Every structure is written in structure tokens, then in C-alpha cells.
Amino acid sequence: MKTKLALGIAALGMVLASVPAIAHHSFAAEFDSNKPIKLTGSVTKIEWMNPHAYFYIDVKDASGKVTNWGLEMGSPNGLMRQGWTRNSMKIGDEVTVEGSAAPVT
């Protein structure tokens, strides 16, 4: 009887461990929805890893000064479910990004 109970608990533990976490942080904890931004620039780096994919772009302002921006996307698994691959964006690609800025501290 103890063996069946132990196996049942182990099986339940494996099932619960396989359920993905809902979210490990909220959008509002990291970004300010009242600060929309739109950036256009050239991709300089791509980090396709968990828990989030990141990419970096060089953006020129009106005076010609270049600033490198870091941008966060969803998880690689979530991106792949939406049709993205590691090769969807390449270094040197010109991209336009619309999103929300992180609060400046």
C-alpha cells in the first residue's frame, strides 16, 4: 500500500512539475504602459535564450548620435509557437519596434 501511495505522489509531482508557470513577473513591474516608444534601427546582437529572448539595435537620433537599445521579447518557446525562429531576425536587419519603455530609475 505504501508503494502505491509513493508512486501516486511521485506521478502527481511529475504532472505538476510539467505544467508551465503562469508568469514569473508582471508587465507593470518592468515596463510603463504610459511611455510608448517607437524605435527604428539596425540589429547588432540577438540572444535567443530562456526565459526571454533579447535583441539589441543601434538607433540614430536627429543629430546622428547612435544609441544601442536592448529590447526584450517573449520566451523562445512562445515565439516559436507564433512562427518565429532563430533566423527570423539577423544581425544587420533594419527593424522598427513599438513597445513600452522601462521606467528610468
N, C-alpha and C. Protein backbone atom coordinates (compact mmCIF):
# COMPACT_ATOMS: atom_id res chain seq x y z
N MET A 1 0.82 -1.19 0.00
CA MET A 1 0.00 0.00 0.00
C MET A 1 0.87 1.26 0.00
N LYS A 2 1.95 1.26 0.78
CA LYS A 2 2.83 2.43 0.84
C LYS A 2 3.50 2.66 -0.51
N THR A 3 3.81 1.59 -1.23
CA THR A 3 4.45 1.73 -2.54
C THR A 3 3.51 2.41 -3.52
N LYS A 4 2.23 2.02 -3.52
CA LYS A 4 1.26 2.63 -4.41
C LYS A 4 1.07 4.11 -4.08
N LEU A 5 1.04 4.44 -2.79
CA LEU A 5 0.89 5.83 -2.38
C LEU A 5 2.11 6.64 -2.82
N ALA A 6 3.30 6.08 -2.64
CA ALA A 6 4.52 6.77 -3.05
C ALA A 6 4.56 6.98 -4.55
N LEU A 7 4.16 5.97 -5.31
CA LEU A 7 4.12 6.10 -6.76
C LEU A 7 3.08 7.13 -7.19
N GLY A 8 1.94 7.15 -6.51
CA GLY A 8 0.91 8.14 -6.82
C GLY A 8 1.39 9.55 -6.55
N ILE A 9 2.07 9.75 -5.44
CA ILE A 9 2.60 11.08 -5.10
C ILE A 9 3.68 11.48 -6.10
N ALA A 10 4.55 10.53 -6.48
CA ALA A 10 5.60 10.82 -7.45
C ALA A 10 4.99 11.19 -8.80
N ALA A 11 3.95 10.46 -9.23
CA ALA A 11 3.30 10.75 -10.50
C ALA A 11 2.64 12.13 -10.47
N LEU A 12 1.98 12.46 -9.36
CA LEU A 12 1.35 13.77 -9.22
C LEU A 12 2.41 14.87 -9.26
N GLY A 13 3.54 14.63 -8.60
CA GLY A 13 4.63 15.60 -8.61
C GLY A 13 5.16 15.85 -10.01
N MET A 14 5.30 14.78 -10.81
CA MET A 14 5.79 14.94 -12.18
C MET A 14 4.78 15.71 -13.04
N VAL A 15 3.50 15.44 -12.85
CA VAL A 15 2.47 16.16 -13.61
C VAL A 15 2.49 17.63 -13.25
N LEU A 16 2.54 17.93 -11.96
CA LEU A 16 2.56 19.33 -11.53
C LEU A 16 3.83 20.03 -11.99
N ALA A 17 4.95 19.34 -12.02
CA ALA A 17 6.20 19.95 -12.45
C ALA A 17 6.19 20.24 -13.95
N SER A 18 5.40 19.50 -14.71
CA SER A 18 5.38 19.71 -16.16
C SER A 18 4.45 20.84 -16.58
N VAL A 19 3.62 21.34 -15.68
CA VAL A 19 2.72 22.45 -16.00
C VAL A 19 3.53 23.73 -16.00
N PRO A 20 3.51 24.51 -17.09
CA PRO A 20 4.31 25.75 -17.14
C PRO A 20 3.83 26.77 -16.12
N ALA A 21 4.76 27.54 -15.63
CA ALA A 21 4.41 28.62 -14.71
C ALA A 21 3.60 29.67 -15.46
N ILE A 22 2.64 30.26 -14.81
CA ILE A 22 1.79 31.26 -15.44
C ILE A 22 2.62 32.49 -15.84
N ALA A 23 3.33 33.06 -14.92
CA ALA A 23 4.21 34.20 -15.22
C ALA A 23 5.15 34.40 -14.04
N HIS A 24 6.36 34.79 -14.34
CA HIS A 24 7.30 34.98 -13.25
C HIS A 24 7.43 36.45 -12.87
N HIS A 25 6.83 37.33 -13.62
CA HIS A 25 6.77 38.74 -13.26
C HIS A 25 5.68 39.40 -14.09
N SER A 26 5.23 40.55 -13.63
CA SER A 26 4.17 41.23 -14.36
C SER A 26 4.77 42.27 -15.32
N PHE A 27 4.02 42.60 -16.34
CA PHE A 27 4.43 43.62 -17.30
C PHE A 27 4.65 44.94 -16.57
N ALA A 28 3.72 45.31 -15.70
CA ALA A 28 3.79 46.59 -15.00
C ALA A 28 4.99 46.70 -14.07
N ALA A 29 5.54 45.57 -13.64
CA ALA A 29 6.70 45.61 -12.76
C ALA A 29 7.96 46.03 -13.50
N GLU A 30 7.97 45.86 -14.81
CA GLU A 30 9.18 46.17 -15.58
C GLU A 30 9.01 47.27 -16.61
N PHE A 31 7.78 47.53 -17.05
CA PHE A 31 7.56 48.49 -18.12
C PHE A 31 6.45 49.46 -17.76
N ASP A 32 6.47 50.63 -18.36
CA ASP A 32 5.47 51.66 -18.11
C ASP A 32 4.61 51.82 -19.36
N SER A 33 3.37 51.35 -19.28
CA SER A 33 2.48 51.40 -20.45
C SER A 33 2.13 52.83 -20.84
N ASN A 34 2.41 53.79 -19.98
CA ASN A 34 2.17 55.20 -20.30
C ASN A 34 3.34 55.82 -21.05
N LYS A 35 4.38 55.04 -21.35
CA LYS A 35 5.55 55.54 -22.07
C LYS A 35 5.77 54.73 -23.34
N PRO A 36 4.88 54.87 -24.33
CA PRO A 36 5.08 54.13 -25.57
C PRO A 36 6.30 54.67 -26.32
N ILE A 37 7.01 53.77 -26.97
CA ILE A 37 8.17 54.17 -27.76
C ILE A 37 8.11 53.49 -29.13
N LYS A 38 8.73 54.13 -30.09
CA LYS A 38 8.87 53.56 -31.44
C LYS A 38 10.31 53.82 -31.86
N LEU A 39 11.03 52.75 -32.13
CA LEU A 39 12.44 52.83 -32.49
C LEU A 39 12.67 52.16 -33.83
N THR A 40 13.56 52.73 -34.63
CA THR A 40 13.99 52.10 -35.87
C THR A 40 15.51 52.06 -35.85
N GLY A 41 16.05 50.88 -36.12
CA GLY A 41 17.49 50.75 -36.10
C GLY A 41 17.96 49.43 -36.67
N SER A 42 19.27 49.25 -36.62
CA SER A 42 19.92 48.07 -37.16
C SER A 42 20.23 47.09 -36.04
N VAL A 43 19.88 45.82 -36.25
CA VAL A 43 20.11 44.78 -35.24
C VAL A 43 21.61 44.54 -35.07
N THR A 44 22.08 44.59 -33.81
CA THR A 44 23.50 44.39 -33.53
C THR A 44 23.79 43.09 -32.78
N LYS A 45 22.79 42.56 -32.07
CA LYS A 45 23.00 41.35 -31.27
C LYS A 45 21.65 40.70 -31.00
N ILE A 46 21.64 39.36 -30.96
CA ILE A 46 20.42 38.60 -30.67
C ILE A 46 20.77 37.55 -29.63
N GLU A 47 19.98 37.48 -28.56
CA GLU A 47 20.16 36.45 -27.53
C GLU A 47 18.88 35.64 -27.45
N TRP A 48 18.90 34.46 -28.01
CA TRP A 48 17.73 33.58 -28.10
C TRP A 48 17.86 32.56 -26.97
N MET A 49 17.40 32.93 -25.76
CA MET A 49 17.55 32.04 -24.60
C MET A 49 16.41 32.26 -23.62
N ASN A 50 16.21 31.30 -22.74
CA ASN A 50 15.19 31.41 -21.70
C ASN A 50 15.70 32.30 -20.58
N PRO A 51 14.86 33.01 -19.88
CA PRO A 51 13.40 32.97 -20.01
C PRO A 51 12.85 33.91 -21.07
N HIS A 52 13.67 34.83 -21.59
CA HIS A 52 13.21 35.75 -22.63
C HIS A 52 14.29 35.91 -23.68
N ALA A 53 13.85 36.13 -24.91
CA ALA A 53 14.79 36.47 -25.98
C ALA A 53 15.01 37.98 -25.94
N TYR A 54 16.23 38.38 -26.21
CA TYR A 54 16.59 39.81 -26.25
C TYR A 54 17.25 40.10 -27.59
N PHE A 55 17.09 41.32 -28.05
CA PHE A 55 17.86 41.76 -29.20
C PHE A 55 18.23 43.22 -28.98
N TYR A 56 19.26 43.65 -29.67
CA TYR A 56 19.81 44.99 -29.49
C TYR A 56 19.87 45.67 -30.84
N ILE A 57 19.54 46.97 -30.86
CA ILE A 57 19.58 47.72 -32.10
C ILE A 57 20.30 49.06 -31.89
N ASP A 58 20.99 49.51 -32.92
CA ASP A 58 21.60 50.84 -32.94
C ASP A 58 20.60 51.80 -33.54
N VAL A 59 20.25 52.83 -32.78
CA VAL A 59 19.27 53.82 -33.21
C VAL A 59 19.95 55.19 -33.30
N LYS A 60 19.79 55.86 -34.45
CA LYS A 60 20.35 57.21 -34.63
C LYS A 60 19.29 58.24 -34.27
N ASP A 61 19.69 59.25 -33.49
CA ASP A 61 18.76 60.35 -33.21
C ASP A 61 18.89 61.42 -34.29
N ALA A 62 18.17 62.51 -34.15
CA ALA A 62 18.14 63.57 -35.17
C ALA A 62 19.52 64.19 -35.42
N SER A 63 20.38 64.19 -34.38
CA SER A 63 21.72 64.78 -34.55
C SER A 63 22.74 63.78 -35.10
N GLY A 64 22.32 62.52 -35.28
CA GLY A 64 23.22 61.50 -35.81
C GLY A 64 23.90 60.66 -34.74
N LYS A 65 23.64 60.97 -33.47
CA LYS A 65 24.21 60.20 -32.37
C LYS A 65 23.56 58.81 -32.33
N VAL A 66 24.37 57.76 -32.20
CA VAL A 66 23.87 56.38 -32.18
C VAL A 66 23.80 55.89 -30.73
N THR A 67 22.65 55.32 -30.39
CA THR A 67 22.45 54.72 -29.07
C THR A 67 22.05 53.27 -29.28
N ASN A 68 22.66 52.36 -28.52
CA ASN A 68 22.32 50.94 -28.59
C ASN A 68 21.22 50.65 -27.57
N TRP A 69 20.08 50.16 -28.06
CA TRP A 69 18.94 49.84 -27.22
C TRP A 69 18.83 48.33 -27.06
N GLY A 70 18.52 47.87 -25.85
CA GLY A 70 18.23 46.47 -25.58
C GLY A 70 16.72 46.28 -25.50
N LEU A 71 16.21 45.27 -26.19
CA LEU A 71 14.77 45.03 -26.25
C LEU A 71 14.45 43.60 -25.86
N GLU A 72 13.41 43.43 -25.07
CA GLU A 72 13.01 42.12 -24.56
C GLU A 72 11.80 41.61 -25.32
N MET A 73 11.85 40.32 -25.66
CA MET A 73 10.70 39.68 -26.30
C MET A 73 10.22 38.58 -25.37
N GLY A 74 9.33 37.74 -25.85
CA GLY A 74 8.82 36.63 -25.06
C GLY A 74 9.82 35.50 -24.98
N SER A 75 9.38 34.39 -24.44
CA SER A 75 10.25 33.22 -24.34
C SER A 75 10.47 32.62 -25.73
N PRO A 76 11.61 31.99 -25.95
CA PRO A 76 11.84 31.36 -27.26
C PRO A 76 10.73 30.37 -27.64
N ASN A 77 10.24 29.61 -26.66
CA ASN A 77 9.18 28.64 -26.94
C ASN A 77 7.90 29.35 -27.39
N GLY A 78 7.54 30.43 -26.71
CA GLY A 78 6.35 31.19 -27.10
C GLY A 78 6.52 31.84 -28.46
N LEU A 79 7.71 32.34 -28.74
CA LEU A 79 7.97 32.94 -30.04
C LEU A 79 7.88 31.91 -31.16
N MET A 80 8.40 30.70 -30.90
CA MET A 80 8.33 29.64 -31.92
C MET A 80 6.89 29.25 -32.19
N ARG A 81 6.04 29.25 -31.15
CA ARG A 81 4.61 28.94 -31.37
C ARG A 81 3.94 30.01 -32.23
N GLN A 82 4.51 31.21 -32.25
CA GLN A 82 3.96 32.29 -33.08
C GLN A 82 4.62 32.37 -34.45
N GLY A 83 5.52 31.42 -34.75
CA GLY A 83 6.13 31.36 -36.08
C GLY A 83 7.55 31.90 -36.17
N TRP A 84 8.10 32.42 -35.07
CA TRP A 84 9.47 32.91 -35.08
C TRP A 84 10.45 31.75 -35.04
N THR A 85 11.64 31.95 -35.61
CA THR A 85 12.75 31.02 -35.47
C THR A 85 13.99 31.81 -35.09
N ARG A 86 15.06 31.12 -34.81
CA ARG A 86 16.33 31.80 -34.50
C ARG A 86 16.79 32.68 -35.67
N ASN A 87 16.32 32.35 -36.87
CA ASN A 87 16.76 33.07 -38.07
C ASN A 87 15.75 34.09 -38.58
N SER A 88 14.70 34.35 -37.80
CA SER A 88 13.70 35.33 -38.24
C SER A 88 14.28 36.74 -38.30
N MET A 89 15.23 37.01 -37.43
CA MET A 89 15.89 38.30 -37.40
C MET A 89 17.39 38.04 -37.40
N LYS A 90 18.11 38.81 -38.22
CA LYS A 90 19.56 38.61 -38.34
C LYS A 90 20.29 39.91 -38.03
N ILE A 91 21.51 39.78 -37.59
CA ILE A 91 22.34 40.96 -37.35
C ILE A 91 22.45 41.74 -38.65
N GLY A 92 22.23 43.04 -38.55
CA GLY A 92 22.25 43.91 -39.73
C GLY A 92 20.86 44.24 -40.25
N ASP A 93 19.85 43.46 -39.88
CA ASP A 93 18.48 43.76 -40.32
C ASP A 93 18.05 45.12 -39.78
N GLU A 94 17.33 45.88 -40.58
CA GLU A 94 16.74 47.14 -40.16
C GLU A 94 15.34 46.82 -39.64
N VAL A 95 15.05 47.18 -38.38
CA VAL A 95 13.76 46.86 -37.78
C VAL A 95 13.14 48.10 -37.17
N THR A 96 11.82 48.09 -37.08
CA THR A 96 11.07 49.11 -36.35
C THR A 96 10.33 48.41 -35.23
N VAL A 97 10.47 48.95 -34.02
CA VAL A 97 9.90 48.33 -32.84
C VAL A 97 8.97 49.32 -32.15
N GLU A 98 7.78 48.87 -31.80
CA GLU A 98 6.86 49.66 -30.99
C GLU A 98 6.64 48.90 -29.70
N GLY A 99 6.75 49.60 -28.59
CA GLY A 99 6.58 48.95 -27.30
C GLY A 99 6.45 49.96 -26.19
N SER A 100 6.73 49.52 -24.98
CA SER A 100 6.68 50.37 -23.79
C SER A 100 8.06 50.43 -23.16
N ALA A 101 8.43 51.62 -22.74
CA ALA A 101 9.75 51.82 -22.13
C ALA A 101 9.74 51.36 -20.68
N ALA A 102 10.92 50.96 -20.22
CA ALA A 102 11.09 50.67 -18.81
C ALA A 102 11.24 51.98 -18.06
N PRO A 103 10.72 52.06 -16.84
CA PRO A 103 10.88 53.31 -16.08
C PRO A 103 12.36 53.61 -15.84
N VAL A 104 12.70 54.85 -15.92
CA VAL A 104 14.09 55.27 -15.66
C VAL A 104 14.24 55.48 -14.17
N THR A 105 15.26 54.85 -13.60
CA THR A 105 15.49 54.99 -12.16
C THR A 105 16.74 55.75 -11.88
